[in-house]
PDB file of N, CA and C in Angstrom:
ATOM      1  N   MET A   1     104.145  37.019 115.301  1.00  0.00           N
ATOM      2  CA  MET A   1     102.990  37.443 114.533  1.00  0.00           C
ATOM      3  C   MET A   1     101.703  37.056 115.250  1.00  0.00           C
ATOM      4  N   LYS A   2     101.684  35.852 115.810  1.00  0.00           N
ATOM      5  CA  LYS A   2     100.481  35.376 116.485  1.00  0.00           C
ATOM      6  C   LYS A   2     100.184  36.233 117.712  1.00  0.00           C
ATOM      7  N   GLN A   3     101.212  36.643 118.443  1.00  0.00           N
ATOM      8  CA  GLN A   3     101.002  37.482 119.616  1.00  0.00           C
ATOM      9  C   GLN A   3     100.479  38.853 119.206  1.00  0.00           C
ATOM     10  N   TRP A   4     100.936  39.361 118.081  1.00  0.00           N
ATOM     11  CA  TRP A   4     100.487  40.659 117.600  1.00  0.00           C
ATOM     12  C   TRP A   4      98.996  40.617 117.277  1.00  0.00           C
ATOM     13  N   LEU A   5      98.542  39.548 116.625  1.00  0.00           N
ATOM     14  CA  LEU A   5      97.132  39.429 116.267  1.00  0.00           C
ATOM     15  C   LEU A   5      96.236  39.252 117.488  1.00  0.00           C
ATOM     16  N   THR A   6      96.715  38.540 118.494  1.00  0.00           N
ATOM     17  CA  THR A   6      95.894  38.346 119.690  1.00  0.00           C
ATOM     18  C   THR A   6      95.785  39.622 120.505  1.00  0.00           C
ATOM     19  N   GLY A   7      96.725  40.559 120.328  1.00  0.00           N
ATOM     20  CA  GLY A   7      96.692  41.810 121.057  1.00  0.00           C
ATOM     21  C   GLY A   7      95.760  42.846 120.455  1.00  0.00           C
ATOM     22  N   ILE A   8      95.259  42.594 119.263  1.00  0.00           N
ATOM     23  CA  ILE A   8      94.377  43.562 118.601  1.00  0.00           C
ATOM     24  C   ILE A   8      92.954  43.385 119.108  1.00  0.00           C
ATOM     25  N   GLU A   9      92.325  44.503 119.430  1.00  0.00           N
ATOM     26  CA  GLU A   9      90.947  44.484 119.901  1.00  0.00           C
ATOM     27  C   GLU A   9      90.030  44.009 118.772  1.00  0.00           C
ATOM     28  N   GLY A  10      89.025  43.236 119.136  1.00  0.00           N
ATOM     29  CA  GLY A  10      88.121  42.653 118.148  1.00  0.00           C
ATOM     30  C   GLY A  10      87.402  43.677 117.291  1.00  0.00           C
ATOM     31  N   ALA A  11      86.961  44.776 117.908  1.00  0.00           N
ATOM     32  CA  ALA A  11      86.253  45.818 117.152  1.00  0.00           C
ATOM     33  C   ALA A  11      87.184  46.478 116.148  1.00  0.00           C
ATOM     34  N   VAL A  12      88.416  46.731 116.552  1.00  0.00           N
ATOM     35  CA  VAL A  12      89.391  47.345 115.651  1.00  0.00           C
ATOM     36  C   VAL A  12      89.706  46.404 114.496  1.00  0.00           C
ATOM     37  N   LEU A  13      89.837  45.127 114.787  1.00  0.00           N
ATOM     38  CA  LEU A  13      90.102  44.143 113.740  1.00  0.00           C
ATOM     39  C   LEU A  13      88.947  44.076 112.749  1.00  0.00           C
ATOM     40  N   ALA A  14      87.718  44.119 113.242  1.00  0.00           N
ATOM     41  CA  ALA A  14      86.550  44.090 112.357  1.00  0.00           C
ATOM     42  C   ALA A  14      86.479  45.344 111.504  1.00  0.00           C
ATOM     43  N   MET A  15      86.756  46.500 112.104  1.00  0.00           N
ATOM     44  CA  MET A  15      86.727  47.751 111.352  1.00  0.00           C
ATOM     45  C   MET A  15      87.809  47.765 110.272  1.00  0.00           C
ATOM     46  N   ALA A  16      88.993  47.307 110.609  1.00  0.00           N
ATOM     47  CA  ALA A  16      90.082  47.268 109.628  1.00  0.00           C
ATOM     48  C   ALA A  16      89.778  46.277 108.511  1.00  0.00           C
ATOM     49  N   ALA A  17      89.200  45.143 108.874  1.00  0.00           N
ATOM     50  CA  ALA A  17      88.858  44.142 107.851  1.00  0.00           C
ATOM     51  C   ALA A  17      87.817  44.692 106.876  1.00  0.00           C
ATOM     52  N   LEU A  18      86.846  45.427 107.385  1.00  0.00           N
ATOM     53  CA  LEU A  18      85.849  46.047 106.506  1.00  0.00           C
ATOM     54  C   LEU A  18      86.491  47.062 105.575  1.00  0.00           C
ATOM     55  N   ARG A  19      87.421  47.841 106.078  1.00  0.00           N
ATOM     56  CA  ARG A  19      88.107  48.834 105.241  1.00  0.00           C
ATOM     57  C   ARG A  19      88.990  48.157 104.194  1.00  0.00           C
ATOM     58  N   ILE A  20      89.649  47.068 104.564  1.00  0.00           N
ATOM     59  CA  ILE A  20      90.445  46.316 103.591  1.00  0.00           C
ATOM     60  C   ILE A  20      89.536  45.746 102.511  1.00  0.00           C
ATOM     61  N   PHE A  21      88.380  45.222 102.924  1.00  0.00           N
ATOM     62  CA  PHE A  21      87.404  44.704 101.965  1.00  0.00           C
ATOM     63  C   PHE A  21      86.931  45.817 101.027  1.00  0.00           C
ATOM     64  N   SER A  22      86.607  46.970 101.598  1.00  0.00           N
ATOM     65  CA  SER A  22      86.120  48.096 100.804  1.00  0.00           C
ATOM     66  C   SER A  22      87.176  48.565  99.803  1.00  0.00           C
ATOM     67  N   GLY A  23      88.403  48.663 100.254  1.00  0.00           N
ATOM     68  CA  GLY A  23      89.487  49.066  99.361  1.00  0.00           C
ATOM     69  C   GLY A  23      89.715  48.064  98.246  1.00  0.00           C
ATOM     70  N   SER A  24      89.598  46.786  98.578  1.00  0.00           N
ATOM     71  CA  SER A  24      89.753  45.741  97.565  1.00  0.00           C
ATOM     72  C   SER A  24      88.653  45.823  96.517  1.00  0.00           C
ATOM     73  N   VAL A  25      87.429  46.083  96.960  1.00  0.00           N
ATOM     74  CA  VAL A  25      86.310  46.231  96.026  1.00  0.00           C
ATOM     75  C   VAL A  25      86.556  47.428  95.111  1.00  0.00           C
ATOM     76  N   GLU A  26      87.071  48.525  95.661  1.00  0.00           N
ATOM     77  CA  GLU A  26      87.359  49.715  94.858  1.00  0.00           C
ATOM     78  C   GLU A  26      88.421  49.412  93.796  1.00  0.00           C
ATOM     79  N   ILE A  27      89.481  48.720  94.182  1.00  0.00           N
ATOM     80  CA  ILE A  27      90.548  48.383  93.229  1.00  0.00           C
ATOM     81  C   ILE A  27      90.031  47.448  92.150  1.00  0.00           C
ATOM     82  N   ILE A  28      89.262  46.440  92.544  1.00  0.00           N
ATOM     83  CA  ILE A  28      88.695  45.505  91.561  1.00  0.00           C
ATOM     84  C   ILE A  28      87.763  46.246  90.607  1.00  0.00           C
ATOM     85  N   ALA A  29      86.971  47.169  91.129  1.00  0.00           N
ATOM     86  CA  ALA A  29      86.072  47.946  90.266  1.00  0.00           C
ATOM     87  C   ALA A  29      86.870  48.791  89.272  1.00  0.00           C
ATOM     88  N   ALA A  30      87.965  49.389  89.723  1.00  0.00           N
ATOM     89  CA  ALA A  30      88.801  50.181  88.813  1.00  0.00           C
ATOM     90  C   ALA A  30      89.383  49.296  87.708  1.00  0.00           C
ATOM     91  N   LEU A  31      89.812  48.100  88.072  1.00  0.00           N
ATOM     92  CA  LEU A  31      90.353  47.184  87.060  1.00  0.00           C
ATOM     93  C   LEU A  31      89.267  46.742  86.071  1.00  0.00           C
ATOM     94  N   ILE A  32      88.059  46.538  86.582  1.00  0.00           N
ATOM     95  CA  ILE A  32      86.941  46.174  85.704  1.00  0.00           C
ATOM     96  C   ILE A  32      86.639  47.322  84.744  1.00  0.00           C
ATOM     97  N   MET A  33      86.675  48.552  85.245  1.00  0.00           N
ATOM     98  CA  MET A  33      86.446  49.706  84.368  1.00  0.00           C
ATOM     99  C   MET A  33      87.488  49.755  83.253  1.00  0.00           C
ATOM    100  N   LEU A  34      88.744  49.526  83.618  1.00  0.00           N
ATOM    101  CA  LEU A  34      89.800  49.524  82.601  1.00  0.00           C
ATOM    102  C   LEU A  34      89.600  48.394  81.599  1.00  0.00           C
ATOM    103  N   TYR A  35      89.187  47.256  82.084  1.00  0.00           N
ATOM    104  CA  TYR A  35      88.962  46.105  81.206  1.00  0.00           C
ATOM    105  C   TYR A  35      87.807  46.359  80.239  1.00  0.00           C
ATOM    106  N   LEU A  36      86.723  46.934  80.742  1.00  0.00           N
ATOM    107  CA  LEU A  36      85.554  47.184  79.907  1.00  0.00           C
ATOM    108  C   LEU A  36      85.808  48.278  78.875  1.00  0.00           C
ATOM    109  N   ASN A  37      86.594  49.286  79.239  1.00  0.00           N
ATOM    110  CA  ASN A  37      87.002  50.348  78.327  1.00  0.00           C
ATOM    111  C   ASN A  37      85.812  51.020  77.641  1.00  0.00           C
ATOM    112  N   ASP A  38      84.751  51.259  78.405  1.00  0.00           N
ATOM    113  CA  ASP A  38      83.555  51.909  77.885  1.00  0.00           C
ATOM    114  C   ASP A  38      82.985  52.799  78.993  1.00  0.00           C
ATOM    115  N   ALA A  39      82.757  54.063  78.669  1.00  0.00           N
ATOM    116  CA  ALA A  39      82.306  55.019  79.681  1.00  0.00           C
ATOM    117  C   ALA A  39      80.948  54.644  80.262  1.00  0.00           C
ATOM    118  N   LYS A  40      80.041  54.145  79.444  1.00  0.00           N
ATOM    119  CA  LYS A  40      78.711  53.784  79.941  1.00  0.00           C
ATOM    120  C   LYS A  40      78.791  52.616  80.924  1.00  0.00           C
ATOM    121  N   LYS A  41      79.576  51.619  80.590  1.00  0.00           N
ATOM    122  CA  LYS A  41      79.733  50.471  81.480  1.00  0.00           C
ATOM    123  C   LYS A  41      80.493  50.863  82.741  1.00  0.00           C
ATOM    124  N   ALA A  42      81.445  51.771  82.601  1.00  0.00           N
ATOM    125  CA  ALA A  42      82.193  52.246  83.766  1.00  0.00           C
ATOM    126  C   ALA A  42      81.273  53.000  84.726  1.00  0.00           C
ATOM    127  N   LEU A  43      80.307  53.733  84.181  1.00  0.00           N
ATOM    128  CA  LEU A  43      79.339  54.419  85.040  1.00  0.00           C
ATOM    129  C   LEU A  43      78.474  53.431  85.812  1.00  0.00           C
ATOM    130  N   VAL A  44      78.127  52.307  85.187  1.00  0.00           N
ATOM    131  CA  VAL A  44      77.354  51.275  85.880  1.00  0.00           C
ATOM    132  C   VAL A  44      78.168  50.698  87.040  1.00  0.00           C
ATOM    133  N   VAL A  45      79.439  50.409  86.779  1.00  0.00           N
ATOM    134  CA  VAL A  45      80.315  49.881  87.833  1.00  0.00           C
ATOM    135  C   VAL A  45      80.454  50.917  88.949  1.00  0.00           C
ATOM    136  N   ASN A  46      80.621  52.171  88.584  1.00  0.00           N
ATOM    137  CA  ASN A  46      80.737  53.241  89.575  1.00  0.00           C
ATOM    138  C   ASN A  46      79.455  53.385  90.388  1.00  0.00           C
ATOM    139  N   GLY A  47      78.326  53.188  89.755  1.00  0.00           N
ATOM    140  CA  GLY A  47      77.055  53.228  90.472  1.00  0.00           C
ATOM    141  C   GLY A  47      76.947  52.131  91.516  1.00  0.00           C
ATOM    142  N   MET A  48      77.483  50.970  91.194  1.00  0.00           N
ATOM    143  CA  MET A  48      77.493  49.876  92.168  1.00  0.00           C
ATOM    144  C   MET A  48      78.380  50.228  93.362  1.00  0.00           C
ATOM    145  N   LEU A  49      79.466  50.940  93.104  1.00  0.00           N
ATOM    146  CA  LEU A  49      80.356  51.357  94.191  1.00  0.00           C
ATOM    147  C   LEU A  49      79.685  52.372  95.115  1.00  0.00           C
ATOM    148  N   ALA A  50      78.742  53.109  94.582  1.00  0.00           N
ATOM    149  CA  ALA A  50      78.036  54.097  95.402  1.00  0.00           C
ATOM    150  C   ALA A  50      77.252  53.429  96.524  1.00  0.00           C
ATOM    151  N   PHE A  51      76.951  52.159  96.377  1.00  0.00           N
ATOM    152  CA  PHE A  51      76.270  51.415  97.437  1.00  0.00           C
ATOM    153  C   PHE A  51      77.266  50.883  98.467  1.00  0.00           C
ATOM    154  N   VAL A  52      78.421  50.461  98.012  1.00  0.00           N
ATOM    155  CA  VAL A  52      79.407  49.831  98.898  1.00  0.00           C
ATOM    156  C   VAL A  52      79.990  50.834  99.893  1.00  0.00           C
ATOM    157  N   GLY A  53      80.368  52.024  99.423  1.00  0.00           N
ATOM    158  CA  GLY A  53      81.031  53.010 100.282  1.00  0.00           C
ATOM    159  C   GLY A  53      80.224  53.407 101.509  1.00  0.00           C
ATOM    160  N   PRO A  54      79.002  53.911 101.327  1.00  0.00           N
ATOM    161  CA  PRO A  54      78.214  54.292 102.508  1.00  0.00           C
ATOM    162  C   PRO A  54      77.863  53.115 103.412  1.00  0.00           C
ATOM    163  N   THR A  55      77.668  51.947 102.831  1.00  0.00           N
ATOM    164  CA  THR A  55      77.361  50.763 103.646  1.00  0.00           C
ATOM    165  C   THR A  55      78.525  50.432 104.563  1.00  0.00           C
ATOM    166  N   VAL A  56      79.732  50.435 104.008  1.00  0.00           N
ATOM    167  CA  VAL A  56      80.920  50.156 104.826  1.00  0.00           C
ATOM    168  C   VAL A  56      81.093  51.243 105.878  1.00  0.00           C
ATOM    169  N   LEU A  57      80.844  52.499 105.515  1.00  0.00           N
ATOM    170  CA  LEU A  57      80.943  53.593 106.485  1.00  0.00           C
ATOM    171  C   LEU A  57      79.983  53.389 107.647  1.00  0.00           C
ATOM    172  N   ILE A  58      78.738  53.074 107.350  1.00  0.00           N
ATOM    173  CA  ILE A  58      77.735  52.893 108.397  1.00  0.00           C
ATOM    174  C   ILE A  58      78.086  51.720 109.305  1.00  0.00           C
ATOM    175  N   VAL A  59      78.468  50.596 108.716  1.00  0.00           N
ATOM    176  CA  VAL A  59      78.794  49.405 109.512  1.00  0.00           C
ATOM    177  C   VAL A  59      80.040  49.651 110.358  1.00  0.00           C
ATOM    178  N   THR A  60      81.066  50.269 109.765  1.00  0.00           N
ATOM    179  CA  THR A  60      82.298  50.541 110.510  1.00  0.00           C
ATOM    180  C   THR A  60      82.046  51.499 111.664  1.00  0.00           C
ATOM    181  N   MET A  61      81.292  52.548 111.414  1.00  0.00           N
ATOM    182  CA  MET A  61      80.980  53.503 112.486  1.00  0.00           C
ATOM    183  C   MET A  61      80.145  52.841 113.574  1.00  0.00           C
ATOM    184  N   SER A  62      79.223  51.976 113.187  1.00  0.00           N
ATOM    185  CA  SER A  62      78.398  51.283 114.181  1.00  0.00           C
ATOM    186  C   SER A  62      79.252  50.399 115.080  1.00  0.00           C
ATOM    187  N   ILE A  63      80.176  49.676 114.487  1.00  0.00           N
ATOM    188  CA  ILE A  63      81.070  48.825 115.288  1.00  0.00           C
ATOM    189  C   ILE A  63      81.886  49.681 116.257  1.00  0.00           C
ATOM    190  N   GLY A  64      82.427  50.785 115.759  1.00  0.00           N
ATOM    191  CA  GLY A  64      83.229  51.670 116.606  1.00  0.00           C
ATOM    192  C   GLY A  64      82.428  52.277 117.737  1.00  0.00           C
ATOM    193  N   ILE A  65      81.226  52.745 117.427  1.00  0.00           N
ATOM    194  CA  ILE A  65      80.385  53.355 118.468  1.00  0.00           C
ATOM    195  C   ILE A  65      79.985  52.332 119.513  1.00  0.00           C
ATOM    196  N   LEU A  66      79.613  51.145 119.070  1.00  0.00           N
ATOM    197  CA  LEU A  66      79.231  50.111 120.038  1.00  0.00           C
ATOM    198  C   LEU A  66      80.387  49.719 120.945  1.00  0.00           C
ATOM    199  N   SER A  67      81.607  49.765 120.411  1.00  0.00           N
ATOM    200  CA  SER A  67      82.749  49.356 121.226  1.00  0.00           C
ATOM    201  C   SER A  67      83.143  50.409 122.254  1.00  0.00           C
ATOM    202  N   VAL A  68      82.886  51.696 121.972  1.00  0.00           N
ATOM    203  CA  VAL A  68      83.267  52.740 122.931  1.00  0.00           C
ATOM    204  C   VAL A  68      82.082  53.309 123.700  1.00  0.00           C
ATOM    205  N   ALA A  69      80.890  52.873 123.401  1.00  0.00           N
ATOM    206  CA  ALA A  69      79.692  53.451 124.027  1.00  0.00           C
ATOM    207  C   ALA A  69      79.703  53.297 125.542  1.00  0.00           C
ATOM    208  N   GLN A  70      80.240  52.215 126.049  1.00  0.00           N
ATOM    209  CA  GLN A  70      80.251  51.987 127.485  1.00  0.00           C
ATOM    210  C   GLN A  70      81.227  52.915 128.205  1.00  0.00           C
ATOM    211  N   GLU A  71      82.236  53.399 127.484  1.00  0.00           N
ATOM    212  CA  GLU A  71      83.273  54.222 128.098  1.00  0.00           C
ATOM    213  C   GLU A  71      82.960  55.712 128.041  1.00  0.00           C
ATOM    214  N   LEU A  72      81.981  56.117 127.234  1.00  0.00           N
ATOM    215  CA  LEU A  72      81.692  57.532 127.046  1.00  0.00           C
ATOM    216  C   LEU A  72      80.507  57.977 127.881  1.00  0.00           C
ATOM    217  N   SER A  73      80.548  59.249 128.261  1.00  0.00           N
ATOM    218  CA  SER A  73      79.389  59.818 128.942  1.00  0.00           C
ATOM    219  C   SER A  73      78.284  60.031 127.918  1.00  0.00           C
ATOM    220  N   PHE A  74      77.085  60.246 128.410  1.00  0.00           N
ATOM    221  CA  PHE A  74      75.941  60.450 127.513  1.00  0.00           C
ATOM    222  C   PHE A  74      76.153  61.673 126.630  1.00  0.00           C
ATOM    223  N   LEU A  75      76.711  62.740 127.176  1.00  0.00           N
ATOM    224  CA  LEU A  75      76.927  63.966 126.411  1.00  0.00           C
ATOM    225  C   LEU A  75      77.932  63.742 125.280  1.00  0.00           C
ATOM    226  N   LYS A  76      79.026  63.061 125.585  1.00  0.00           N
ATOM    227  CA  LYS A  76      80.020  62.775 124.545  1.00  0.00           C
ATOM    228  C   LYS A  76      79.450  61.854 123.479  1.00  0.00           C
ATOM    229  N   LEU A  77      78.667  60.885 123.887  1.00  0.00           N
ATOM    230  CA  LEU A  77      78.033  59.981 122.936  1.00  0.00           C
ATOM    231  C   LEU A  77      77.049  60.746 122.054  1.00  0.00           C
ATOM    232  N   PHE A  78      76.317  61.704 122.645  1.00  0.00           N
ATOM    233  CA  PHE A  78      75.389  62.534 121.881  1.00  0.00           C
ATOM    234  C   PHE A  78      76.127  63.327 120.808  1.00  0.00           C
ATOM    235  N   PHE A  79      77.244  63.970 121.183  1.00  0.00           N
ATOM    236  CA  PHE A  79      78.003  64.752 120.214  1.00  0.00           C
ATOM    237  C   PHE A  79      78.627  63.865 119.137  1.00  0.00           C
ATOM    238  N   LEU A  80      79.021  62.669 119.503  1.00  0.00           N
ATOM    239  CA  LEU A  80      79.551  61.724 118.523  1.00  0.00           C
ATOM    240  C   LEU A  80      78.485  61.365 117.496  1.00  0.00           C
ATOM    241  N   VAL A  81      77.303  61.035 117.960  1.00  0.00           N
ATOM    242  CA  VAL A  81      76.199  60.694 117.057  1.00  0.00           C
ATOM    243  C   VAL A  81      75.800  61.917 116.230  1.00  0.00           C
ATOM    244  N   LEU A  82      75.823  63.088 116.822  1.00  0.00           N
ATOM    245  CA  LEU A  82      75.504  64.318 116.098  1.00  0.00           C
ATOM    246  C   LEU A  82      76.514  64.553 114.970  1.00  0.00           C
ATOM    247  N   GLY A  83      77.775  64.338 115.242  1.00  0.00           N
ATOM    248  CA  GLY A  83      78.813  64.486 114.217  1.00  0.00           C
ATOM    249  C   GLY A  83      78.642  63.506 113.080  1.00  0.00           C
ATOM    250  N   ILE A  84      78.309  62.267 113.423  1.00  0.00           N
ATOM    251  CA  ILE A  84      78.080  61.257 112.397  1.00  0.00           C
ATOM    252  C   ILE A  84      76.845  61.625 111.573  1.00  0.00           C
ATOM    253  N   GLY A  85      75.838  62.162 112.245  1.00  0.00           N
ATOM    254  CA  GLY A  85      74.650  62.629 111.523  1.00  0.00           C
ATOM    255  C   GLY A  85      75.000  63.724 110.522  1.00  0.00           C
ATOM    256  N   CYS A  86      75.886  64.627 110.919  1.00  0.00           N
ATOM    257  CA  CYS A  86      76.328  65.685 109.989  1.00  0.00           C
ATOM    258  C   CYS A  86      77.060  65.082 108.783  1.00  0.00           C
ATOM    259  N   ILE A  87      77.852  64.055 109.020  1.00  0.00           N
ATOM    260  CA  ILE A  87      78.535  63.382 107.910  1.00  0.00           C
ATOM    261  C   ILE A  87      77.513  62.790 106.954  1.00  0.00           C
ATOM    262  N   PHE A  88      76.496  62.129 107.487  1.00  0.00           N
ATOM    263  CA  PHE A  88      75.470  61.529 106.628  1.00  0.00           C
ATOM    264  C   PHE A  88      74.672  62.574 105.869  1.00  0.00           C
ATOM    265  N   ILE A  89      74.386  63.695 106.512  1.00  0.00           N
ATOM    266  CA  ILE A  89      73.684  64.771 105.815  1.00  0.00           C
ATOM    267  C   ILE A  89      74.537  65.291 104.660  1.00  0.00           C
ATOM    268  N   ALA A  90      75.831  65.453 104.897  1.00  0.00           N
ATOM    269  CA  ALA A  90      76.718  65.932 103.841  1.00  0.00           C
ATOM    270  C   ALA A  90      76.824  64.929 102.692  1.00  0.00           C
ATOM    271  N   ILE A  91      76.786  63.644 103.005  1.00  0.00           N
ATOM    272  CA  ILE A  91      76.918  62.624 101.959  1.00  0.00           C
ATOM    273  C   ILE A  91      75.646  62.537 101.124  1.00  0.00           C
ATOM    274  N   PHE A  92      74.509  62.543 101.762  1.00  0.00           N
ATOM    275  CA  PHE A  92      73.264  62.266 101.059  1.00  0.00           C
ATOM    276  C   PHE A  92      72.546  63.507 100.543  1.00  0.00           C
ATOM    277  N   LYS A  93      73.016  64.698 100.832  1.00  0.00           N
ATOM    278  CA  LYS A  93      72.371  65.918 100.322  1.00  0.00           C
ATOM    279  C   LYS A  93      73.090  66.431  99.111  1.00  0.00           C
TER     280      LYS A  93
END
């Protein structure tokens, strides 16, 4: 197990840890909604989740881009950033 963990790239480990954290927050929020059993309170909890999702997306993408930026040509990096920009436009519009 220890050898497996040392073989994982640091950026990949950070990205996976953020996704595990995000998923855990989503599950906890769902359980809180069930516990509260009120649509108005559930909407408040859901509103809080609206902040967590895009934040984790931005941080995870930033870690990934920084880790591969040295290996990509400028043109490929441009198209990568352009694609991410399209994702953000779709999310926020």
